[in-house]
Amino acid sequence: ISGWLIAPRSLDALTGGIRYFLENSARFVEMTGAARSRIERKFSFQARTSGQMEIYEMLARDRA
């Protein structure tokens, strides 16, 4: 959805991936948008703050 993996240490996989990218560049543009959306959603200031508050609340409950 937001990225593409190829087999490590494989020249064939790497050249195949590059070829696929060149032939299907519109698909990779879609993936970039999906990746950006995921990053903005999961790592926004609000998301990080909410995650920290959950940790603080859990620690406060454990101490009570």
PDB file of N, CA and C in Angstrom:
ATOM      1  N   ILE A   1       0.832  -1.195   0.000  1.00  0.00           N
ATOM      2  CA  ILE A   1       0.000   0.000   0.000  1.00  0.00           C
ATOM      3  C   ILE A   1       0.869   1.249   0.000  1.00  0.00           C
ATOM      4  N   SER A   2       1.880   1.262   0.871  1.00  0.00           N
ATOM      5  CA  SER A   2       2.694   2.481   0.977  1.00  0.00           C
ATOM      6  C   SER A   2       4.175   2.232   0.722  1.00  0.00           C
ATOM      7  N   GLY A   3       4.496   1.095   0.193  1.00  0.00           N
ATOM      8  CA  GLY A   3       5.886   0.801  -0.099  1.00  0.00           C
ATOM      9  C   GLY A   3       6.000  -0.525  -0.821  1.00  0.00           C
ATOM     10  N   TRP A   4       7.191  -0.851  -1.218  1.00  0.00           N
ATOM     11  CA  TRP A   4       7.408  -2.072  -1.981  1.00  0.00           C
ATOM     12  C   TRP A   4       8.743  -2.650  -1.580  1.00  0.00           C
ATOM     13  N   LEU A   5       8.756  -3.927  -1.237  1.00  0.00           N
ATOM     14  CA  LEU A   5       9.992  -4.592  -0.820  1.00  0.00           C
ATOM     15  C   LEU A   5      10.471  -5.526  -1.916  1.00  0.00           C
ATOM     16  N   ILE A   6      11.763  -5.644  -2.010  1.00  0.00           N
ATOM     17  CA  ILE A   6      12.359  -6.614  -2.927  1.00  0.00           C
ATOM     18  C   ILE A   6      13.304  -7.486  -2.113  1.00  0.00           C
ATOM     19  N   ALA A   7      13.617  -8.638  -2.646  1.00  0.00           N
ATOM     20  CA  ALA A   7      14.501  -9.574  -1.950  1.00  0.00           C
ATOM     21  C   ALA A   7      15.883  -8.951  -1.756  1.00  0.00           C
ATOM     22  N   PRO A   8      16.446  -9.116  -0.567  1.00  0.00           N
ATOM     23  CA  PRO A   8      17.783  -8.554  -0.325  1.00  0.00           C
ATOM     24  C   PRO A   8      18.866  -9.331  -1.078  1.00  0.00           C
ATOM     25  N   ARG A   9      19.930  -8.629  -1.373  1.00  0.00           N
ATOM     26  CA  ARG A   9      21.121  -9.218  -2.002  1.00  0.00           C
ATOM     27  C   ARG A   9      20.806  -9.970  -3.298  1.00  0.00           C
ATOM     28  N   SER A  10      19.835  -9.452  -4.060  1.00  0.00           N
ATOM     29  CA  SER A  10      19.477 -10.094  -5.315  1.00  0.00           C
ATOM     30  C   SER A  10      19.501  -9.055  -6.434  1.00  0.00           C
ATOM     31  N   LEU A  11      20.481  -9.183  -7.295  1.00  0.00           N
ATOM     32  CA  LEU A  11      20.583  -8.258  -8.413  1.00  0.00           C
ATOM     33  C   LEU A  11      19.352  -8.371  -9.316  1.00  0.00           C
ATOM     34  N   ASP A  12      18.862  -9.585  -9.519  1.00  0.00           N
ATOM     35  CA  ASP A  12      17.667  -9.777 -10.351  1.00  0.00           C
ATOM     36  C   ASP A  12      16.454  -9.072  -9.740  1.00  0.00           C
ATOM     37  N   ALA A  13      16.296  -9.183  -8.429  1.00  0.00           N
ATOM     38  CA  ALA A  13      15.170  -8.525  -7.762  1.00  0.00           C
ATOM     39  C   ALA A  13      15.301  -7.009  -7.857  1.00  0.00           C
ATOM     40  N   LEU A  14      16.507  -6.514  -7.692  1.00  0.00           N
ATOM     41  CA  LEU A  14      16.729  -5.070  -7.769  1.00  0.00           C
ATOM     42  C   LEU A  14      16.455  -4.541  -9.177  1.00  0.00           C
ATOM     43  N   THR A  15      17.032  -5.189 -10.185  1.00  0.00           N
ATOM     44  CA  THR A  15      16.796  -4.718 -11.549  1.00  0.00           C
ATOM     45  C   THR A  15      15.328  -4.905 -11.941  1.00  0.00           C
ATOM     46  N   GLY A  16      14.700  -5.970 -11.478  1.00  0.00           N
ATOM     47  CA  GLY A  16      13.275  -6.160 -11.744  1.00  0.00           C
ATOM     48  C   GLY A  16      12.443  -5.080 -11.083  1.00  0.00           C
ATOM     49  N   GLY A  17      12.799  -4.709  -9.864  1.00  0.00           N
ATOM     50  CA  GLY A  17      12.095  -3.641  -9.163  1.00  0.00           C
ATOM     51  C   GLY A  17      12.239  -2.305  -9.858  1.00  0.00           C
ATOM     52  N   ILE A  18      13.436  -2.002 -10.320  1.00  0.00           N
ATOM     53  CA  ILE A  18      13.661  -0.753 -11.045  1.00  0.00           C
ATOM     54  C   ILE A  18      12.859  -0.747 -12.345  1.00  0.00           C
ATOM     55  N   ARG A  19      12.877  -1.869 -13.032  1.00  0.00           N
ATOM     56  CA  ARG A  19      12.111  -1.970 -14.284  1.00  0.00           C
ATOM     57  C   ARG A  19      10.612  -1.777 -14.009  1.00  0.00           C
ATOM     58  N   TYR A  20      10.120  -2.440 -12.959  1.00  0.00           N
ATOM     59  CA  TYR A  20       8.708  -2.315 -12.612  1.00  0.00           C
ATOM     60  C   TYR A  20       8.360  -0.855 -12.286  1.00  0.00           C
ATOM     61  N   PHE A  21       9.231  -0.195 -11.548  1.00  0.00           N
ATOM     62  CA  PHE A  21       9.021   1.221 -11.215  1.00  0.00           C
ATOM     63  C   PHE A  21       8.941   2.074 -12.477  1.00  0.00           C
ATOM     64  N   LEU A  22       9.873   1.867 -13.390  1.00  0.00           N
ATOM     65  CA  LEU A  22       9.893   2.663 -14.616  1.00  0.00           C
ATOM     66  C   LEU A  22       8.655   2.421 -15.469  1.00  0.00           C
ATOM     67  N   GLU A  23       8.155   1.197 -15.461  1.00  0.00           N
ATOM     68  CA  GLU A  23       6.977   0.858 -16.273  1.00  0.00           C
ATOM     69  C   GLU A  23       5.661   1.211 -15.576  1.00  0.00           C
ATOM     70  N   ASN A  24       5.692   1.405 -14.262  1.00  0.00           N
ATOM     71  CA  ASN A  24       4.464   1.632 -13.486  1.00  0.00           C
ATOM     72  C   ASN A  24       4.615   2.803 -12.531  1.00  0.00           C
ATOM     73  N   SER A  25       5.206   3.883 -12.993  1.00  0.00           N
ATOM     74  CA  SER A  25       5.518   4.994 -12.092  1.00  0.00           C
ATOM     75  C   SER A  25       4.265   5.584 -11.440  1.00  0.00           C
ATOM     76  N   ALA A  26       3.121   5.531 -12.099  1.00  0.00           N
ATOM     77  CA  ALA A  26       1.884   6.056 -11.495  1.00  0.00           C
ATOM     78  C   ALA A  26       1.542   5.284 -10.220  1.00  0.00           C
ATOM     79  N   ARG A  27       1.791   3.996 -10.208  1.00  0.00           N
ATOM     80  CA  ARG A  27       1.531   3.181  -9.006  1.00  0.00           C
ATOM     81  C   ARG A  27       2.404   3.646  -7.848  1.00  0.00           C
ATOM     82  N   PHE A  28       3.628   4.006  -8.132  1.00  0.00           N
ATOM     83  CA  PHE A  28       4.522   4.463  -7.074  1.00  0.00           C
ATOM     84  C   PHE A  28       4.125   5.843  -6.562  1.00  0.00           C
ATOM     85  N   VAL A  29       3.558   6.666  -7.428  1.00  0.00           N
ATOM     86  CA  VAL A  29       3.039   7.963  -6.981  1.00  0.00           C
ATOM     87  C   VAL A  29       1.891   7.731  -6.002  1.00  0.00           C
ATOM     88  N   GLU A  30       1.019   6.749  -6.299  1.00  0.00           N
ATOM     89  CA  GLU A  30      -0.065   6.395  -5.365  1.00  0.00           C
ATOM     90  C   GLU A  30       0.499   5.933  -4.023  1.00  0.00           C
ATOM     91  N   MET A  31       1.534   5.094  -4.069  1.00  0.00           N
ATOM     92  CA  MET A  31       2.141   4.597  -2.831  1.00  0.00           C
ATOM     93  C   MET A  31       2.730   5.732  -2.011  1.00  0.00           C
ATOM     94  N   THR A  32       3.316   6.720  -2.684  1.00  0.00           N
ATOM     95  CA  THR A  32       3.893   7.853  -1.943  1.00  0.00           C
ATOM     96  C   THR A  32       2.805   8.597  -1.201  1.00  0.00           C
ATOM     97  N   GLY A  33       1.663   8.793  -1.859  1.00  0.00           N
ATOM     98  CA  GLY A  33       0.539   9.458  -1.193  1.00  0.00           C
ATOM     99  C   GLY A  33       0.044   8.660  -0.002  1.00  0.00           C
ATOM    100  N   ALA A  34      -0.049   7.340  -0.156  1.00  0.00           N
ATOM    101  CA  ALA A  34      -0.489   6.484   0.947  1.00  0.00           C
ATOM    102  C   ALA A  34       0.504   6.530   2.107  1.00  0.00           C
ATOM    103  N   ALA A  35       1.789   6.528   1.781  1.00  0.00           N
ATOM    104  CA  ALA A  35       2.814   6.585   2.831  1.00  0.00           C
ATOM    105  C   ALA A  35       2.740   7.912   3.579  1.00  0.00           C
ATOM    106  N   ARG A  36       2.599   8.988   2.841  1.00  0.00           N
ATOM    107  CA  ARG A  36       2.509  10.307   3.488  1.00  0.00           C
ATOM    108  C   ARG A  36       1.293  10.383   4.397  1.00  0.00           C
ATOM    109  N   SER A  37       0.172   9.890   3.907  1.00  0.00           N
ATOM    110  CA  SER A  37      -1.062   9.902   4.696  1.00  0.00           C
ATOM    111  C   SER A  37      -0.891   9.103   5.986  1.00  0.00           C
ATOM    112  N   ARG A  38      -0.270   7.941   5.887  1.00  0.00           N
ATOM    113  CA  ARG A  38      -0.050   7.096   7.075  1.00  0.00           C
ATOM    114  C   ARG A  38       0.863   7.795   8.074  1.00  0.00           C
ATOM    115  N   ILE A  39       1.921   8.392   7.596  1.00  0.00           N
ATOM    116  CA  ILE A  39       2.855   9.094   8.485  1.00  0.00           C
ATOM    117  C   ILE A  39       2.160  10.259   9.170  1.00  0.00           C
ATOM    118  N   GLU A  40       1.399  11.032   8.409  1.00  0.00           N
ATOM    119  CA  GLU A  40       0.699  12.173   9.007  1.00  0.00           C
ATOM    120  C   GLU A  40      -0.327  11.710  10.041  1.00  0.00           C
ATOM    121  N   ARG A  41      -0.995  10.589   9.776  1.00  0.00           N
ATOM    122  CA  ARG A  41      -2.013  10.075  10.686  1.00  0.00           C
ATOM    123  C   ARG A  41      -1.388   9.478  11.953  1.00  0.00           C
ATOM    124  N   LYS A  42      -0.372   8.642  11.798  1.00  0.00           N
ATOM    125  CA  LYS A  42       0.204   7.924  12.936  1.00  0.00           C
ATOM    126  C   LYS A  42       1.212   8.735  13.737  1.00  0.00           C
ATOM    127  N   PHE A  43       1.845   9.719  13.118  1.00  0.00           N
ATOM    128  CA  PHE A  43       2.919  10.424  13.790  1.00  0.00           C
ATOM    129  C   PHE A  43       2.673  11.923  13.915  1.00  0.00           C
ATOM    130  N   SER A  44       1.419  12.334  13.782  1.00  0.00           N
ATOM    131  CA  SER A  44       1.091  13.749  13.960  1.00  0.00           C
ATOM    132  C   SER A  44       1.315  14.137  15.421  1.00  0.00           C
ATOM    133  N   PHE A  45       1.321  15.410  15.684  1.00  0.00           N
ATOM    134  CA  PHE A  45       1.468  15.887  17.055  1.00  0.00           C
ATOM    135  C   PHE A  45       0.366  15.304  17.932  1.00  0.00           C
ATOM    136  N   GLN A  46      -0.868  15.308  17.422  1.00  0.00           N
ATOM    137  CA  GLN A  46      -2.004  14.773  18.182  1.00  0.00           C
ATOM    138  C   GLN A  46      -1.826  13.284  18.479  1.00  0.00           C
ATOM    139  N   ALA A  47      -1.402  12.509  17.481  1.00  0.00           N
ATOM    140  CA  ALA A  47      -1.211  11.071  17.679  1.00  0.00           C
ATOM    141  C   ALA A  47      -0.110  10.804  18.706  1.00  0.00           C
ATOM    142  N   ARG A  48       0.994  11.529  18.611  1.00  0.00           N
ATOM    143  CA  ARG A  48       2.093  11.331  19.573  1.00  0.00           C
ATOM    144  C   ARG A  48       1.659  11.724  20.975  1.00  0.00           C
ATOM    145  N   THR A  49       0.944  12.843  21.101  1.00  0.00           N
ATOM    146  CA  THR A  49       0.486  13.306  22.411  1.00  0.00           C
ATOM    147  C   THR A  49      -0.478  12.307  23.031  1.00  0.00           C
ATOM    148  N   SER A  50      -1.398  11.779  22.222  1.00  0.00           N
ATOM    149  CA  SER A  50      -2.351  10.784  22.726  1.00  0.00           C
ATOM    150  C   SER A  50      -1.619   9.536  23.221  1.00  0.00           C
ATOM    151  N   GLY A  51      -0.621   9.097  22.468  1.00  0.00           N
ATOM    152  CA  GLY A  51       0.157   7.930  22.878  1.00  0.00           C
ATOM    153  C   GLY A  51       0.889   8.169  24.188  1.00  0.00           C
ATOM    154  N   GLN A  52       1.449   9.354  24.358  1.00  0.00           N
ATOM    155  CA  GLN A  52       2.140   9.677  25.603  1.00  0.00           C
ATOM    156  C   GLN A  52       1.149   9.722  26.771  1.00  0.00           C
ATOM    157  N   MET A  53      -0.018  10.292  26.539  1.00  0.00           N
ATOM    158  CA  MET A  53      -1.024  10.362  27.607  1.00  0.00           C
ATOM    159  C   MET A  53      -1.459   8.958  28.039  1.00  0.00           C
ATOM    160  N   GLU A  54      -1.594   8.041  27.090  1.00  0.00           N
ATOM    161  CA  GLU A  54      -1.947   6.665  27.438  1.00  0.00           C
ATOM    162  C   GLU A  54      -0.880   6.047  28.336  1.00  0.00           C
ATOM    163  N   ILE A  55       0.378   6.293  28.023  1.00  0.00           N
ATOM    164  CA  ILE A  55       1.465   5.759  28.847  1.00  0.00           C
ATOM    165  C   ILE A  55       1.413   6.365  30.246  1.00  0.00           C
ATOM    166  N   TYR A  56       1.258   7.682  30.342  1.00  0.00           N
ATOM    167  CA  TYR A  56       1.193   8.336  31.656  1.00  0.00           C
ATOM    168  C   TYR A  56       0.012   7.818  32.472  1.00  0.00           C
ATOM    169  N   GLU A  57      -1.140   7.639  31.821  1.00  0.00           N
ATOM    170  CA  GLU A  57      -2.318   7.133  32.527  1.00  0.00           C
ATOM    171  C   GLU A  57      -2.089   5.719  33.027  1.00  0.00           C
ATOM    172  N   MET A  58      -1.447   4.884  32.220  1.00  0.00           N
ATOM    173  CA  MET A  58      -1.148   3.504  32.616  1.00  0.00           C
ATOM    174  C   MET A  58      -0.191   3.518  33.808  1.00  0.00           C
ATOM    175  N   LEU A  59       0.846   4.338  33.758  1.00  0.00           N
ATOM    176  CA  LEU A  59       1.790   4.415  34.867  1.00  0.00           C
ATOM    177  C   LEU A  59       1.124   4.932  36.140  1.00  0.00           C
ATOM    178  N   ALA A  60       0.231   5.893  35.992  1.00  0.00           N
ATOM    179  CA  ALA A  60      -0.468   6.431  37.165  1.00  0.00           C
ATOM    180  C   ALA A  60      -1.373   5.368  37.791  1.00  0.00           C
ATOM    181  N   ARG A  61      -2.042   4.564  36.965  1.00  0.00           N
ATOM    182  CA  ARG A  61      -2.900   3.486  37.484  1.00  0.00           C
ATOM    183  C   ARG A  61      -2.067   2.438  38.217  1.00  0.00           C
ATOM    184  N   ASP A  62      -0.908   2.123  37.642  1.00  0.00           N
ATOM    185  CA  ASP A  62      -0.050   1.113  38.257  1.00  0.00           C
ATOM    186  C   ASP A  62       0.500   1.548  39.603  1.00  0.00           C
ATOM    187  N   ARG A  63       0.644   2.836  39.811  1.00  0.00           N
ATOM    188  CA  ARG A  63       1.184   3.339  41.071  1.00  0.00           C
ATOM    189  C   ARG A  63       0.118   3.449  42.136  1.00  0.00           C
ATOM    190  N   ALA A  64      -1.141   3.458  41.726  1.00  0.00           N
ATOM    191  CA  ALA A  64      -2.238   3.656  42.684  1.00  0.00           C
ATOM    192  C   ALA A  64      -2.532   2.405  43.475  1.00  0.00           C
TER     193      ALA A  64
END
